[in-house]
Amino acid sequence: MEAEWDQYIGRSAFKAAKTIQSHKNNHKRLTEYLERPLGETKPDHIIKAVESLAKNPNTRKSLLSTAIVFYNIAEKDIKKLNRFRDKLVVAAEAHGKEMASQKAGTLPSIEDLDNYLKQLYTTERWADFILNYLLMNYNTRNIDLDVEVVNSIHKTKADKKRNYLVVRKNDIVYIRYRYKTYKTYGTKRNIFKSILVERAIRRLREERGDKPLFLMSNKDGSRIMESSSSNYVKLRTLNNITEGDINKIYVSHYVDTGDIDALRLLSANRGTDLETLFTSYNIPQSLFPTA
């Protein structure tokens, strides 16, 4: 099995680290189950392994993709695996629609989110409080929350490919050099005042000591990998909802109240044009400004 993996690594010089890690995890799971290299395993046995190891069709697709990679390396016939993959694609689409249907109408309200934010503060979950505060006030995506907390604007100039919270004497500056639509909208800079956020940051710094302070961090204080950001955020939100769910809650609320100004502000904060918001969340055209 190790020789098979080494052969893959030898061909992977230009592959993304995330892709390599995914295949490594899948290869380990499959070969431990099969007790033999993938290139030496019959298609039927691989299919059975995939079905036994995972119930979620998306996970099954990932496992099968790894098997196909190693079948190609071994120059084996992948027709049967490809036919199984086609079935998984259909199953994954149906699963996604089912999950969306189940979630529809079950998302918490803005009041629920506000109460959760208060709970995070009173239970002294300082980093989670700050993270949710940014999600709720600036409708960010996950990558926007990869923030370093510093005490001067000068410290943000050394690396303009990162995001910062700058704690000044009278306010806090949220600077984003790194977010999904940066190439379209450029650097985003929000200045706000919040005694609670300032206190949370101060307490968090007391806990972490003098080392660099990252909002999304491992237990040792180091920054988490970008590939882990989605799960990291979900584990810290109300009912484990996603940043997209939180955005939807606010968009739906502003649609219901007819607050186009709030939608414009949300659009600017998130870095998404109004037309995209309208398309994504089925906003009535009557709300769209004609001028």
Protein backbone atom coordinates (compact mmCIF):
# COMPACT_ATOMS: atom_id res chain seq x y z
CA MET A 1 0.00 0.00 0.00
CA GLU A 2 2.84 2.41 0.83
CA ALA A 3 4.49 1.73 -2.53
CA GLU A 4 1.22 2.56 -4.27
CA TRP A 5 0.94 5.83 -2.35
CA ASP A 6 4.57 6.71 -3.09
CA GLN A 7 3.85 6.20 -6.78
CA TYR A 8 0.99 8.70 -6.57
CA ILE A 9 3.13 11.24 -4.70
CA GLY A 10 5.75 10.95 -7.42
CA ARG A 11 3.16 12.21 -9.92
CA SER A 12 1.65 14.93 -7.74
CA ALA A 13 4.19 17.74 -7.79
CA PHE A 14 1.69 20.29 -9.09
CA LYS A 15 -1.42 19.16 -7.24
CA ALA A 16 -2.93 21.26 -4.48
CA ALA A 17 -2.06 20.26 -0.92
CA LYS A 18 -5.77 19.94 -0.14
CA THR A 19 -6.22 17.44 -3.00
CA ILE A 20 -3.24 15.38 -1.90
CA GLN A 21 -4.45 15.27 1.70
CA SER A 22 -7.94 14.21 0.59
CA HIS A 23 -6.57 11.36 -1.50
CA LYS A 24 -4.24 10.34 1.32
CA ASN A 25 -7.12 10.06 3.79
CA ASN A 26 -9.31 8.19 1.30
CA HIS A 27 -6.50 5.86 0.23
CA LYS A 28 -5.81 4.96 3.86
CA ARG A 29 -9.49 4.23 4.58
CA LEU A 30 -9.96 2.12 1.47
CA THR A 31 -6.76 0.11 1.69
CA GLU A 32 -7.21 -0.59 5.40
CA TYR A 33 -10.69 -1.91 4.64
CA LEU A 34 -9.61 -3.92 1.59
CA GLU A 35 -6.23 -4.98 3.03
CA ARG A 36 -4.58 -4.59 -0.36
CA PRO A 37 -3.54 -1.83 -2.83
CA LEU A 38 -6.35 -0.28 -4.85
CA GLY A 39 -4.61 -1.10 -8.13
CA GLU A 40 -4.77 -4.79 -7.22
CA THR A 41 -8.45 -4.78 -6.22
CA LYS A 42 -11.42 -5.72 -8.42
CA PRO A 43 -13.99 -3.00 -9.20
CA ASP A 44 -16.80 -4.86 -7.42
CA HIS A 45 -14.74 -5.03 -4.24
CA ILE A 46 -13.95 -1.31 -4.42
CA ILE A 47 -17.61 -0.47 -4.92
CA LYS A 48 -18.55 -2.62 -1.94
CA ALA A 49 -15.87 -0.91 0.16
CA VAL A 50 -17.13 2.54 -0.81
CA GLU A 51 -20.71 1.60 0.08
CA SER A 52 -19.62 0.10 3.41
CA LEU A 53 -17.39 2.98 4.46
CA ALA A 54 -19.85 5.81 3.84
CA LYS A 55 -23.57 6.49 3.63
CA ASN A 56 -23.41 10.09 2.40
CA PRO A 57 -23.26 10.06 -1.44
CA ASN A 58 -20.81 12.97 -1.46
CA THR A 59 -18.39 11.04 0.76
CA ARG A 60 -18.84 8.00 -1.46
CA LYS A 61 -18.00 10.14 -4.50
CA SER A 62 -14.81 11.32 -2.83
CA LEU A 63 -13.72 7.78 -1.96
CA LEU A 64 -14.50 6.54 -5.45
CA SER A 65 -12.58 9.41 -7.06
CA THR A 66 -9.49 8.32 -5.15
CA ALA A 67 -9.96 4.73 -6.28
CA ILE A 68 -10.25 5.89 -9.90
CA VAL A 69 -7.02 7.90 -9.56
CA PHE A 70 -5.13 4.81 -8.46
CA TYR A 71 -6.82 2.65 -11.10
CA ASN A 72 -5.56 5.09 -13.72
CA ILE A 73 -2.04 4.92 -12.29
CA ALA A 74 -2.22 1.11 -12.47
CA GLU A 75 -3.64 1.41 -16.01
CA LYS A 76 -6.72 -0.63 -15.07
CA ASP A 77 -10.11 -0.47 -16.80
CA ILE A 78 -12.23 2.17 -15.03
CA LYS A 79 -15.49 1.72 -16.97
CA LYS A 80 -17.31 -0.04 -14.12
CA LEU A 81 -16.11 2.50 -11.57
CA ASN A 82 -17.20 5.33 -13.86
CA ARG A 83 -20.70 3.86 -14.16
CA PHE A 84 -20.90 3.70 -10.37
CA ARG A 85 -19.67 7.30 -10.18
CA ASP A 86 -22.49 8.41 -12.52
CA LYS A 87 -25.01 6.85 -10.13
CA LEU A 88 -23.38 8.63 -7.20
CA VAL A 89 -23.63 11.98 -8.97
CA VAL A 90 -27.39 11.52 -9.30
CA ALA A 91 -27.65 10.36 -5.68
CA ALA A 92 -25.62 13.34 -4.45
CA GLU A 93 -27.85 15.80 -6.28
CA ALA A 94 -30.96 14.21 -4.78
CA HIS A 95 -29.34 14.23 -1.34
CA GLY A 96 -28.52 17.93 -1.66
CA LYS A 97 -32.10 18.78 -2.60
CA GLU A 98 -33.43 16.72 0.31
CA MET A 99 -31.13 18.46 2.79
CA ALA A 100 -32.10 21.89 1.43
CA SER A 101 -35.77 20.97 1.71
CA GLN A 102 -35.35 19.82 5.31
CA LYS A 103 -33.48 22.98 6.23
CA ALA A 104 -35.98 25.32 4.55
CA GLY A 105 -38.15 26.99 7.15
CA THR A 106 -36.09 25.65 10.05
CA LEU A 107 -33.39 28.32 10.22
CA PRO A 108 -33.26 30.38 13.42
CA SER A 109 -34.45 33.98 13.52
CA ILE A 110 -32.35 37.10 13.97
CA GLU A 111 -33.59 37.21 17.56
CA ASP A 112 -32.30 33.67 18.05
CA LEU A 113 -28.91 34.73 16.70
CA ASP A 114 -28.82 37.76 19.00
CA ASN A 115 -29.62 35.61 22.02
CA TYR A 116 -26.92 33.14 21.03
CA LEU A 117 -24.40 35.98 20.74
CA LYS A 118 -25.26 37.12 24.27
CA GLN A 119 -24.88 33.56 25.50
CA LEU A 120 -21.39 33.29 24.00
CA TYR A 121 -20.38 36.45 25.84
CA THR A 122 -21.83 35.49 29.20
CA THR A 123 -20.23 32.03 29.04
CA GLU A 124 -16.88 33.67 28.21
CA ARG A 125 -16.42 31.99 24.84
CA TRP A 126 -14.48 35.02 23.70
CA ALA A 127 -13.18 33.89 20.30
CA ASP A 128 -16.56 32.40 19.35
CA PHE A 129 -18.29 35.61 20.41
CA ILE A 130 -16.04 37.74 18.19
CA LEU A 131 -16.39 35.33 15.27
CA ASN A 132 -20.20 35.34 15.46
CA TYR A 133 -20.26 39.12 15.94
CA LEU A 134 -18.43 39.55 12.61
CA LEU A 135 -20.65 36.99 10.88
CA MET A 136 -23.81 38.73 12.05
CA ASN A 137 -22.73 42.33 11.56
CA TYR A 138 -20.77 42.05 8.32
CA ASN A 139 -22.35 38.98 6.66
CA THR A 140 -18.93 37.53 5.95
CA ARG A 141 -17.88 34.28 4.37
CA ASN A 142 -15.60 31.87 6.24
CA ILE A 143 -12.36 33.13 4.71
CA ASP A 144 -13.07 36.68 5.96
CA LEU A 145 -12.84 35.37 9.53
CA ASP A 146 -9.22 34.32 9.18
CA VAL A 147 -8.25 37.37 11.22
CA GLU A 148 -5.20 38.42 13.19
CA VAL A 149 -5.86 40.79 16.10
CA VAL A 150 -3.30 43.62 16.30
CA ASN A 151 -3.03 46.94 18.12
CA SER A 152 -1.94 49.29 15.33
CA ILE A 153 -2.68 49.94 11.66
CA HIS A 154 1.07 49.81 11.01
CA LYS A 155 1.09 46.07 11.76
CA THR A 156 -1.39 45.43 8.94
CA LYS A 157 0.98 46.70 6.27
CA ALA A 158 3.53 43.90 6.48
CA ASP A 159 1.23 41.35 4.86
CA LYS A 160 -1.60 42.62 2.68
CA LYS A 161 -2.90 39.14 1.90
CA ARG A 162 -4.45 38.69 5.33
CA ASN A 163 -7.31 40.09 7.41
CA TYR A 164 -7.03 42.07 10.63
CA LEU A 165 -8.90 43.43 13.60
CA VAL A 166 -7.06 46.55 14.74
CA VAL A 167 -7.88 47.51 18.32
CA ARG A 168 -7.35 51.26 18.71
CA LYS A 169 -7.97 53.55 21.67
CA ASN A 170 -11.49 54.58 20.65
CA ASP A 171 -12.61 52.04 18.08
CA ILE A 172 -11.87 48.81 16.19
CA VAL A 173 -10.98 48.54 12.51
CA TYR A 174 -11.88 45.41 10.57
CA ILE A 175 -9.61 45.22 7.52
CA ARG A 176 -10.05 42.57 4.83
CA TYR A 177 -7.38 42.05 2.22
CA ARG A 178 -8.41 38.44 1.74
CA TYR A 179 -11.96 37.50 0.82
CA LYS A 180 -13.76 35.86 -2.11
CA THR A 181 -14.44 38.93 -4.27
CA TYR A 182 -11.34 40.97 -3.40
CA LYS A 183 -10.35 41.34 -7.07
CA THR A 184 -13.70 43.01 -7.75
CA TYR A 185 -14.13 45.21 -4.68
CA GLY A 186 -10.60 45.67 -3.30
CA THR A 187 -9.72 46.14 0.37
CA LYS A 188 -12.68 46.37 2.75
CA ARG A 189 -12.35 48.50 5.85
CA ASN A 190 -15.05 48.75 8.52
CA ILE A 191 -14.68 50.91 11.63
CA PHE A 192 -16.92 50.18 14.58
CA LYS A 193 -17.24 50.71 18.31
CA SER A 194 -18.25 47.89 20.63
CA ILE A 195 -17.41 47.73 24.31
CA LEU A 196 -18.28 44.02 24.32
CA VAL A 197 -15.99 43.16 21.42
CA GLU A 198 -13.18 45.23 22.91
CA ARG A 199 -13.56 43.43 26.25
CA ALA A 200 -13.73 40.03 24.54
CA ILE A 201 -10.53 40.76 22.65
CA ARG A 202 -8.80 41.91 25.85
CA ARG A 203 -9.83 38.75 27.69
CA LEU A 204 -8.85 36.56 24.74
CA ARG A 205 -5.41 38.15 24.66
CA GLU A 206 -5.03 37.50 28.38
CA GLU A 207 -5.76 33.83 27.73
CA ARG A 208 -3.43 33.51 24.75
CA GLY A 209 -0.46 35.46 26.11
CA ASP A 210 2.02 37.46 24.03
CA LYS A 211 2.06 35.27 20.92
CA PRO A 212 0.26 36.40 17.73
CA LEU A 213 -3.49 36.35 18.23
CA PHE A 214 -5.51 34.62 15.49
CA LEU A 215 -9.29 34.47 15.70
CA MET A 216 -9.49 31.03 14.07
CA SER A 217 -6.75 28.98 15.67
CA ASN A 218 -5.66 25.53 16.78
CA LYS A 219 -5.24 24.68 20.46
CA ASP A 220 -1.63 25.83 20.33
CA GLY A 221 -2.70 29.25 19.00
CA SER A 222 -1.52 28.70 15.42
CA ARG A 223 -3.75 29.60 12.48
CA ILE A 224 -5.99 26.83 11.19
CA MET A 225 -5.66 25.56 7.63
CA GLU A 226 -8.05 27.15 5.13
CA SER A 227 -9.45 23.71 4.31
CA SER A 228 -10.68 23.47 7.92
CA SER A 229 -12.39 26.87 8.05
CA SER A 230 -15.88 25.70 7.09
CA ASN A 231 -16.10 23.08 9.84
CA TYR A 232 -14.38 25.42 12.29
CA VAL A 233 -17.07 28.07 11.81
CA LYS A 234 -20.01 25.64 11.83
CA LEU A 235 -18.89 24.18 15.16
CA ARG A 236 -19.18 27.67 16.67
CA THR A 237 -22.49 28.89 15.26
CA LEU A 238 -26.03 28.40 16.55
CA ASN A 239 -27.24 24.89 15.60
CA ASN A 240 -24.06 24.51 13.50
CA ILE A 241 -25.51 26.59 10.68
CA THR A 242 -23.22 27.87 7.92
CA GLU A 243 -22.18 31.41 7.06
CA GLY A 244 -24.48 31.09 4.02
CA ASP A 245 -27.39 30.26 6.33
CA ILE A 246 -26.68 33.31 8.47
CA ASN A 247 -26.57 35.49 5.39
CA LYS A 248 -29.88 34.01 4.21
CA ILE A 249 -31.50 34.78 7.58
CA TYR A 250 -30.61 38.45 7.25
CA VAL A 251 -31.48 38.69 3.56
CA SER A 252 -34.89 37.09 4.17
CA HIS A 253 -35.55 39.44 7.09
CA TYR A 254 -34.75 42.54 5.02
CA VAL A 255 -36.87 41.24 2.16
CA ASP A 256 -39.81 40.68 4.51
CA THR A 257 -39.45 44.20 5.92
CA GLY A 258 -38.80 45.77 2.50
CA ASP A 259 -35.57 47.34 3.75
CA ILE A 260 -33.61 47.94 0.54
CA ASP A 261 -31.06 50.15 2.34
CA ALA A 262 -30.18 47.27 4.65
CA LEU A 263 -29.85 44.99 1.63
CA ARG A 264 -27.48 47.49 0.00
CA LEU A 265 -25.35 47.58 3.15
CA LEU A 266 -25.33 43.79 3.39
CA SER A 267 -24.32 43.63 -0.26
CA ALA A 268 -21.43 46.02 0.32
CA ASN A 269 -20.25 44.28 3.49
CA ARG A 270 -20.28 40.81 1.95
CA GLY A 271 -18.82 41.88 -1.37
CA THR A 272 -21.79 40.63 -3.42
CA ASP A 273 -23.70 42.78 -5.89
CA LEU A 274 -27.44 43.26 -5.34
CA GLU A 275 -28.38 41.40 -8.51
CA THR A 276 -26.56 38.30 -7.23
CA LEU A 277 -28.41 38.56 -3.92
CA PHE A 278 -31.71 38.84 -5.75
CA THR A 279 -30.93 35.79 -7.88
CA SER A 280 -29.59 33.68 -5.00
CA TYR A 281 -32.43 34.37 -2.59
CA ASN A 282 -35.37 34.95 -4.96
CA ILE A 283 -35.86 38.54 -3.85
CA PRO A 284 -39.00 40.06 -5.43
CA GLN A 285 -38.16 42.32 -8.34
CA SER A 286 -40.45 44.95 -6.84
CA LEU A 287 -37.74 45.58 -4.24
CA PHE A 288 -35.01 46.14 -6.80
CA PRO A 289 -34.33 49.88 -7.27
CA THR A 290 -35.25 51.19 -10.71
CA ALA A 291 -32.83 54.11 -10.54
